Amino acid sequence: MALKNIHSTDPFKKVVVKTFKDMYSATKVTNVKFDTNLREYSANCFQKFTFLGDKKVNAADLYENNYTMEDA
């Protein structure tokens, strides 16, 4: 399992964070990572001051939903 951190300088991070916020009704998303073997993103999601957990989004679902840089 090869995890790669998605840094704030990566322009695609905005799209990934927006996806997590939309899918899980999160208000804050931290520690965004990409698993190159499973092809999925994971992040810690919070709703107000409540920890929702380490959530996952499949990369194929992200691209399937036609998220683009303009959505960020």
PDB file of N, CA and C in Angstrom:
ATOM      1  N   MET A   1       0.851  -1.172   0.000  1.00  0.00           N
ATOM      2  CA  MET A   1       0.000   0.000   0.000  1.00  0.00           C
ATOM      3  C   MET A   1       0.892   1.230   0.000  1.00  0.00           C
ATOM      4  N   ALA A   2       0.789   2.019  -1.012  1.00  0.00           N
ATOM      5  CA  ALA A   2       1.573   3.234  -1.122  1.00  0.00           C
ATOM      6  C   ALA A   2       0.659   4.444  -0.962  1.00  0.00           C
ATOM      7  N   LEU A   3       0.795   5.130   0.160  1.00  0.00           N
ATOM      8  CA  LEU A   3      -0.001   6.322   0.416  1.00  0.00           C
ATOM      9  C   LEU A   3       0.784   7.562   0.035  1.00  0.00           C
ATOM     10  N   LYS A   4       0.109   8.463  -0.680  1.00  0.00           N
ATOM     11  CA  LYS A   4       0.721   9.722  -1.056  1.00  0.00           C
ATOM     12  C   LYS A   4      -0.121  10.842  -0.460  1.00  0.00           C
ATOM     13  N   ASN A   5       0.523  11.737   0.275  1.00  0.00           N
ATOM     14  CA  ASN A   5      -0.182  12.895   0.803  1.00  0.00           C
ATOM     15  C   ASN A   5      -0.533  13.842  -0.336  1.00  0.00           C
ATOM     16  N   ILE A   6      -1.726  14.393  -0.270  1.00  0.00           N
ATOM     17  CA  ILE A   6      -2.142  15.409  -1.239  1.00  0.00           C
ATOM     18  C   ILE A   6      -1.945  16.754  -0.547  1.00  0.00           C
ATOM     19  N   HIS A   7      -0.983  17.513  -1.014  1.00  0.00           N
ATOM     20  CA  HIS A   7      -0.612  18.777  -0.384  1.00  0.00           C
ATOM     21  C   HIS A   7      -1.502  19.916  -0.875  1.00  0.00           C
ATOM     22  N   SER A   8      -1.530  20.984  -0.109  1.00  0.00           N
ATOM     23  CA  SER A   8      -2.364  22.128  -0.454  1.00  0.00           C
ATOM     24  C   SER A   8      -1.920  22.795  -1.749  1.00  0.00           C
ATOM     25  N   THR A   9      -0.682  22.556  -2.180  1.00  0.00           N
ATOM     26  CA  THR A   9      -0.204  23.156  -3.426  1.00  0.00           C
ATOM     27  C   THR A   9      -0.720  22.401  -4.658  1.00  0.00           C
ATOM     28  N   ASP A  10      -1.254  21.208  -4.447  1.00  0.00           N
ATOM     29  CA  ASP A  10      -1.809  20.416  -5.548  1.00  0.00           C
ATOM     30  C   ASP A  10      -3.156  21.012  -5.942  1.00  0.00           C
ATOM     31  N   PRO A  11      -3.318  21.481  -7.185  1.00  0.00           N
ATOM     32  CA  PRO A  11      -4.574  22.115  -7.588  1.00  0.00           C
ATOM     33  C   PRO A  11      -5.779  21.167  -7.546  1.00  0.00           C
ATOM     34  N   PHE A  12      -5.558  19.874  -7.618  1.00  0.00           N
ATOM     35  CA  PHE A  12      -6.662  18.916  -7.600  1.00  0.00           C
ATOM     36  C   PHE A  12      -7.199  18.695  -6.181  1.00  0.00           C
ATOM     37  N   LYS A  13      -6.452  19.148  -5.167  1.00  0.00           N
ATOM     38  CA  LYS A  13      -6.891  18.953  -3.784  1.00  0.00           C
ATOM     39  C   LYS A  13      -8.221  19.653  -3.523  1.00  0.00           C
ATOM     40  N   LYS A  14      -8.455  20.805  -4.122  1.00  0.00           N
ATOM     41  CA  LYS A  14      -9.717  21.517  -3.934  1.00  0.00           C
ATOM     42  C   LYS A  14     -10.897  20.662  -4.374  1.00  0.00           C
ATOM     43  N   VAL A  15     -10.739  19.983  -5.489  1.00  0.00           N
ATOM     44  CA  VAL A  15     -11.801  19.124  -6.012  1.00  0.00           C
ATOM     45  C   VAL A  15     -12.048  17.944  -5.080  1.00  0.00           C
ATOM     46  N   VAL A  16     -10.980  17.349  -4.583  1.00  0.00           N
ATOM     47  CA  VAL A  16     -11.097  16.196  -3.685  1.00  0.00           C
ATOM     48  C   VAL A  16     -11.761  16.617  -2.380  1.00  0.00           C
ATOM     49  N   VAL A  17     -11.348  17.731  -1.803  1.00  0.00           N
ATOM     50  CA  VAL A  17     -11.938  18.214  -0.555  1.00  0.00           C
ATOM     51  C   VAL A  17     -13.411  18.541  -0.760  1.00  0.00           C
ATOM     52  N   LYS A  18     -13.750  19.165  -1.865  1.00  0.00           N
ATOM     53  CA  LYS A  18     -15.155  19.483  -2.156  1.00  0.00           C
ATOM     54  C   LYS A  18     -15.986  18.210  -2.252  1.00  0.00           C
ATOM     55  N   THR A  19     -15.441  17.175  -2.833  1.00  0.00           N
ATOM     56  CA  THR A  19     -16.138  15.896  -2.941  1.00  0.00           C
ATOM     57  C   THR A  19     -16.416  15.318  -1.563  1.00  0.00           C
ATOM     58  N   PHE A  20     -15.418  15.321  -0.688  1.00  0.00           N
ATOM     59  CA  PHE A  20     -15.612  14.821   0.674  1.00  0.00           C
ATOM     60  C   PHE A  20     -16.670  15.643   1.407  1.00  0.00           C
ATOM     61  N   LYS A  21     -16.630  16.961   1.253  1.00  0.00           N
ATOM     62  CA  LYS A  21     -17.606  17.809   1.925  1.00  0.00           C
ATOM     63  C   LYS A  21     -19.017  17.531   1.422  1.00  0.00           C
ATOM     64  N   ASP A  22     -19.165  17.347   0.127  1.00  0.00           N
ATOM     65  CA  ASP A  22     -20.481  17.072  -0.447  1.00  0.00           C
ATOM     66  C   ASP A  22     -20.998  15.691  -0.054  1.00  0.00           C
ATOM     67  N   MET A  23     -20.145  14.691  -0.110  1.00  0.00           N
ATOM     68  CA  MET A  23     -20.576  13.318   0.149  1.00  0.00           C
ATOM     69  C   MET A  23     -20.884  13.055   1.620  1.00  0.00           C
ATOM     70  N   TYR A  24     -20.133  13.668   2.521  1.00  0.00           N
ATOM     71  CA  TYR A  24     -20.266  13.360   3.943  1.00  0.00           C
ATOM     72  C   TYR A  24     -20.789  14.531   4.771  1.00  0.00           C
ATOM     73  N   SER A  25     -21.242  15.597   4.131  1.00  0.00           N
ATOM     74  CA  SER A  25     -21.725  16.799   4.828  1.00  0.00           C
ATOM     75  C   SER A  25     -20.699  17.290   5.846  1.00  0.00           C
ATOM     76  N   ALA A  26     -19.462  17.254   5.462  1.00  0.00           N
ATOM     77  CA  ALA A  26     -18.376  17.666   6.343  1.00  0.00           C
ATOM     78  C   ALA A  26     -18.146  19.167   6.238  1.00  0.00           C
ATOM     79  N   THR A  27     -17.743  19.757   7.346  1.00  0.00           N
ATOM     80  CA  THR A  27     -17.406  21.175   7.330  1.00  0.00           C
ATOM     81  C   THR A  27     -15.894  21.386   7.281  1.00  0.00           C
ATOM     82  N   LYS A  28     -15.136  20.344   7.668  1.00  0.00           N
ATOM     83  CA  LYS A  28     -13.674  20.426   7.634  1.00  0.00           C
ATOM     84  C   LYS A  28     -13.122  19.078   7.191  1.00  0.00           C
ATOM     85  N   VAL A  29     -12.131  19.118   6.315  1.00  0.00           N
ATOM     86  CA  VAL A  29     -11.494  17.906   5.796  1.00  0.00           C
ATOM     87  C   VAL A  29      -9.989  18.065   5.966  1.00  0.00           C
ATOM     88  N   THR A  30      -9.358  17.077   6.626  1.00  0.00           N
ATOM     89  CA  THR A  30      -7.919  17.151   6.866  1.00  0.00           C
ATOM     90  C   THR A  30      -7.248  15.855   6.436  1.00  0.00           C
ATOM     91  N   ASN A  31      -5.937  15.888   6.332  1.00  0.00           N
ATOM     92  CA  ASN A  31      -5.108  14.714   6.036  1.00  0.00           C
ATOM     93  C   ASN A  31      -5.581  13.945   4.801  1.00  0.00           C
ATOM     94  N   VAL A  32      -5.650  14.618   3.684  1.00  0.00           N
ATOM     95  CA  VAL A  32      -6.075  13.974   2.440  1.00  0.00           C
ATOM     96  C   VAL A  32      -4.916  13.159   1.886  1.00  0.00           C
ATOM     97  N   LYS A  33      -5.194  11.877   1.618  1.00  0.00           N
ATOM     98  CA  LYS A  33      -4.172  10.961   1.092  1.00  0.00           C
ATOM     99  C   LYS A  33      -4.754  10.162  -0.068  1.00  0.00           C
ATOM    100  N   PHE A  34      -3.852   9.678  -0.924  1.00  0.00           N
ATOM    101  CA  PHE A  34      -4.256   8.853  -2.054  1.00  0.00           C
ATOM    102  C   PHE A  34      -3.530   7.515  -1.955  1.00  0.00           C
ATOM    103  N   ASP A  35      -4.279   6.433  -1.987  1.00  0.00           N
ATOM    104  CA  ASP A  35      -3.721   5.085  -1.963  1.00  0.00           C
ATOM    105  C   ASP A  35      -3.559   4.635  -3.421  1.00  0.00           C
ATOM    106  N   THR A  36      -2.322   4.492  -3.854  1.00  0.00           N
ATOM    107  CA  THR A  36      -2.062   4.171  -5.258  1.00  0.00           C
ATOM    108  C   THR A  36      -2.451   2.744  -5.615  1.00  0.00           C
ATOM    109  N   ASN A  37      -2.445   1.838  -4.642  1.00  0.00           N
ATOM    110  CA  ASN A  37      -2.821   0.446  -4.934  1.00  0.00           C
ATOM    111  C   ASN A  37      -4.330   0.274  -5.024  1.00  0.00           C
ATOM    112  N   LEU A  38      -5.057   0.854  -4.078  1.00  0.00           N
ATOM    113  CA  LEU A  38      -6.517   0.730  -4.066  1.00  0.00           C
ATOM    114  C   LEU A  38      -7.204   1.783  -4.941  1.00  0.00           C
ATOM    115  N   ARG A  39      -6.453   2.783  -5.364  1.00  0.00           N
ATOM    116  CA  ARG A  39      -6.968   3.878  -6.186  1.00  0.00           C
ATOM    117  C   ARG A  39      -8.130   4.585  -5.484  1.00  0.00           C
ATOM    118  N   GLU A  40      -7.878   5.000  -4.232  1.00  0.00           N
ATOM    119  CA  GLU A  40      -8.909   5.721  -3.497  1.00  0.00           C
ATOM    120  C   GLU A  40      -8.276   6.797  -2.619  1.00  0.00           C
ATOM    121  N   TYR A  41      -9.075   7.835  -2.386  1.00  0.00           N
ATOM    122  CA  TYR A  41      -8.666   8.933  -1.521  1.00  0.00           C
ATOM    123  C   TYR A  41      -9.222   8.681  -0.130  1.00  0.00           C
ATOM    124  N   SER A  42      -8.494   9.091   0.881  1.00  0.00           N
ATOM    125  CA  SER A  42      -8.989   9.011   2.251  1.00  0.00           C
ATOM    126  C   SER A  42      -8.695  10.341   2.937  1.00  0.00           C
ATOM    127  N   ALA A  43      -9.565  10.687   3.893  1.00  0.00           N
ATOM    128  CA  ALA A  43      -9.392  11.944   4.618  1.00  0.00           C
ATOM    129  C   ALA A  43     -10.139  11.879   5.935  1.00  0.00           C
ATOM    130  N   ASN A  44      -9.660  12.653   6.906  1.00  0.00           N
ATOM    131  CA  ASN A  44     -10.373  12.810   8.167  1.00  0.00           C
ATOM    132  C   ASN A  44     -11.427  13.888   7.961  1.00  0.00           C
ATOM    133  N   CYS A  45     -12.668  13.559   8.275  1.00  0.00           N
ATOM    134  CA  CYS A  45     -13.772  14.489   8.070  1.00  0.00           C
ATOM    135  C   CYS A  45     -14.387  14.898   9.405  1.00  0.00           C
ATOM    136  N   PHE A  46     -14.738  16.175   9.504  1.00  0.00           N
ATOM    137  CA  PHE A  46     -15.359  16.728  10.701  1.00  0.00           C
ATOM    138  C   PHE A  46     -16.637  17.452  10.313  1.00  0.00           C
ATOM    139  N   GLN A  47     -17.611  17.403  11.214  1.00  0.00           N
ATOM    140  CA  GLN A  47     -18.842  18.174  11.035  1.00  0.00           C
ATOM    141  C   GLN A  47     -18.980  19.029  12.284  1.00  0.00           C
ATOM    142  N   LYS A  48     -18.787  20.318  12.113  1.00  0.00           N
ATOM    143  CA  LYS A  48     -18.653  21.251  13.233  1.00  0.00           C
ATOM    144  C   LYS A  48     -17.503  20.767  14.103  1.00  0.00           C
ATOM    145  N   PHE A  49     -17.767  20.319  15.335  1.00  0.00           N
ATOM    146  CA  PHE A  49     -16.695  19.847  16.209  1.00  0.00           C
ATOM    147  C   PHE A  49     -16.762  18.345  16.427  1.00  0.00           C
ATOM    148  N   THR A  50     -17.498  17.638  15.582  1.00  0.00           N
ATOM    149  CA  THR A  50     -17.659  16.197  15.709  1.00  0.00           C
ATOM    150  C   THR A  50     -16.812  15.494  14.648  1.00  0.00           C
ATOM    151  N   PHE A  51     -16.008  14.542  15.086  1.00  0.00           N
ATOM    152  CA  PHE A  51     -15.169  13.767  14.168  1.00  0.00           C
ATOM    153  C   PHE A  51     -16.029  12.700  13.499  1.00  0.00           C
ATOM    154  N   LEU A  52     -16.132  12.738  12.181  1.00  0.00           N
ATOM    155  CA  LEU A  52     -16.933  11.770  11.434  1.00  0.00           C
ATOM    156  C   LEU A  52     -16.159  10.500  11.128  1.00  0.00           C
ATOM    157  N   GLY A  53     -14.858  10.569  11.179  1.00  0.00           N
ATOM    158  CA  GLY A  53     -14.028   9.399  10.922  1.00  0.00           C
ATOM    159  C   GLY A  53     -13.162   9.554   9.690  1.00  0.00           C
ATOM    160  N   ASP A  54     -12.405   8.511   9.442  1.00  0.00           N
ATOM    161  CA  ASP A  54     -11.549   8.462   8.263  1.00  0.00           C
ATOM    162  C   ASP A  54     -12.406   7.936   7.111  1.00  0.00           C
ATOM    163  N   LYS A  55     -12.805   8.816   6.227  1.00  0.00           N
ATOM    164  CA  LYS A  55     -13.703   8.470   5.125  1.00  0.00           C
ATOM    165  C   LYS A  55     -12.901   8.212   3.861  1.00  0.00           C
ATOM    166  N   LYS A  56     -13.501   7.446   2.957  1.00  0.00           N
ATOM    167  CA  LYS A  56     -12.828   7.085   1.707  1.00  0.00           C
ATOM    168  C   LYS A  56     -13.720   7.386   0.507  1.00  0.00           C
ATOM    169  N   VAL A  57     -13.076   7.756  -0.595  1.00  0.00           N
ATOM    170  CA  VAL A  57     -13.747   7.997  -1.868  1.00  0.00           C
ATOM    171  C   VAL A  57     -12.929   7.305  -2.950  1.00  0.00           C
ATOM    172  N   ASN A  58     -13.568   6.481  -3.723  1.00  0.00           N
ATOM    173  CA  ASN A  58     -12.907   5.786  -4.824  1.00  0.00           C
ATOM    174  C   ASN A  58     -12.572   6.803  -5.912  1.00  0.00           C
ATOM    175  N   ALA A  59     -11.375   6.741  -6.452  1.00  0.00           N
ATOM    176  CA  ALA A  59     -10.950   7.685  -7.490  1.00  0.00           C
ATOM    177  C   ALA A  59     -11.849   7.588  -8.720  1.00  0.00           C
ATOM    178  N   ALA A  60     -12.305   6.389  -9.055  1.00  0.00           N
ATOM    179  CA  ALA A  60     -13.177   6.220 -10.222  1.00  0.00           C
ATOM    180  C   ALA A  60     -14.492   6.960 -10.016  1.00  0.00           C
ATOM    181  N   ASP A  61     -15.017   6.953  -8.785  1.00  0.00           N
ATOM    182  CA  ASP A  61     -16.257   7.674  -8.488  1.00  0.00           C
ATOM    183  C   ASP A  61     -16.061   9.171  -8.615  1.00  0.00           C
ATOM    184  N   LEU A  62     -14.900   9.636  -8.222  1.00  0.00           N
ATOM    185  CA  LEU A  62     -14.596  11.056  -8.306  1.00  0.00           C
ATOM    186  C   LEU A  62     -14.611  11.518  -9.761  1.00  0.00           C
ATOM    187  N   TYR A  63     -13.973  10.748 -10.625  1.00  0.00           N
ATOM    188  CA  TYR A  63     -13.914  11.104 -12.042  1.00  0.00           C
ATOM    189  C   TYR A  63     -15.254  10.837 -12.732  1.00  0.00           C
ATOM    190  N   GLU A  64     -15.992   9.837 -12.255  1.00  0.00           N
ATOM    191  CA  GLU A  64     -17.285   9.484 -12.833  1.00  0.00           C
ATOM    192  C   GLU A  64     -18.291  10.604 -12.631  1.00  0.00           C
ATOM    193  N   ASN A  65     -18.183  11.290 -11.499  1.00  0.00           N
ATOM    194  CA  ASN A  65     -19.117  12.373 -11.189  1.00  0.00           C
ATOM    195  C   ASN A  65     -18.774  13.660 -11.931  1.00  0.00           C
ATOM    196  N   ASN A  66     -17.771  13.594 -12.807  1.00  0.00           N
ATOM    197  CA  ASN A  66     -17.388  14.702 -13.677  1.00  0.00           C
ATOM    198  C   ASN A  66     -16.978  15.951 -12.911  1.00  0.00           C
ATOM    199  N   TYR A  67     -16.313  15.754 -11.770  1.00  0.00           N
ATOM    200  CA  TYR A  67     -15.784  16.919 -11.050  1.00  0.00           C
ATOM    201  C   TYR A  67     -14.600  17.465 -11.841  1.00  0.00           C
ATOM    202  N   THR A  68     -14.566  18.759 -11.974  1.00  0.00           N
ATOM    203  CA  THR A  68     -13.473  19.411 -12.699  1.00  0.00           C
ATOM    204  C   THR A  68     -12.879  20.502 -11.835  1.00  0.00           C
ATOM    205  N   MET A  69     -11.841  21.100 -12.300  1.00  0.00           N
ATOM    206  CA  MET A  69     -11.192  22.173 -11.572  1.00  0.00           C
ATOM    207  C   MET A  69     -12.136  23.370 -11.377  1.00  0.00           C
ATOM    208  N   GLU A  70     -13.078  23.568 -12.278  1.00  0.00           N
ATOM    209  CA  GLU A  70     -14.009  24.684 -12.161  1.00  0.00           C
ATOM    210  C   GLU A  70     -14.981  24.482 -10.999  1.00  0.00           C
ATOM    211  N   ASP A  71     -15.169  23.241 -10.544  1.00  0.00           N
ATOM    212  CA  ASP A  71     -16.068  22.956  -9.432  1.00  0.00           C
ATOM    213  C   ASP A  71     -15.467  23.345  -8.097  1.00  0.00           C
ATOM    214  N   ALA A  72     -14.160  23.518  -8.055  1.00  0.00           N
ATOM    215  CA  ALA A  72     -13.489  23.794  -6.779  1.00  0.00           C
ATOM    216  C   ALA A  72     -13.751  25.206  -6.288  1.00  0.00           C
TER     217      ALA A  72
END
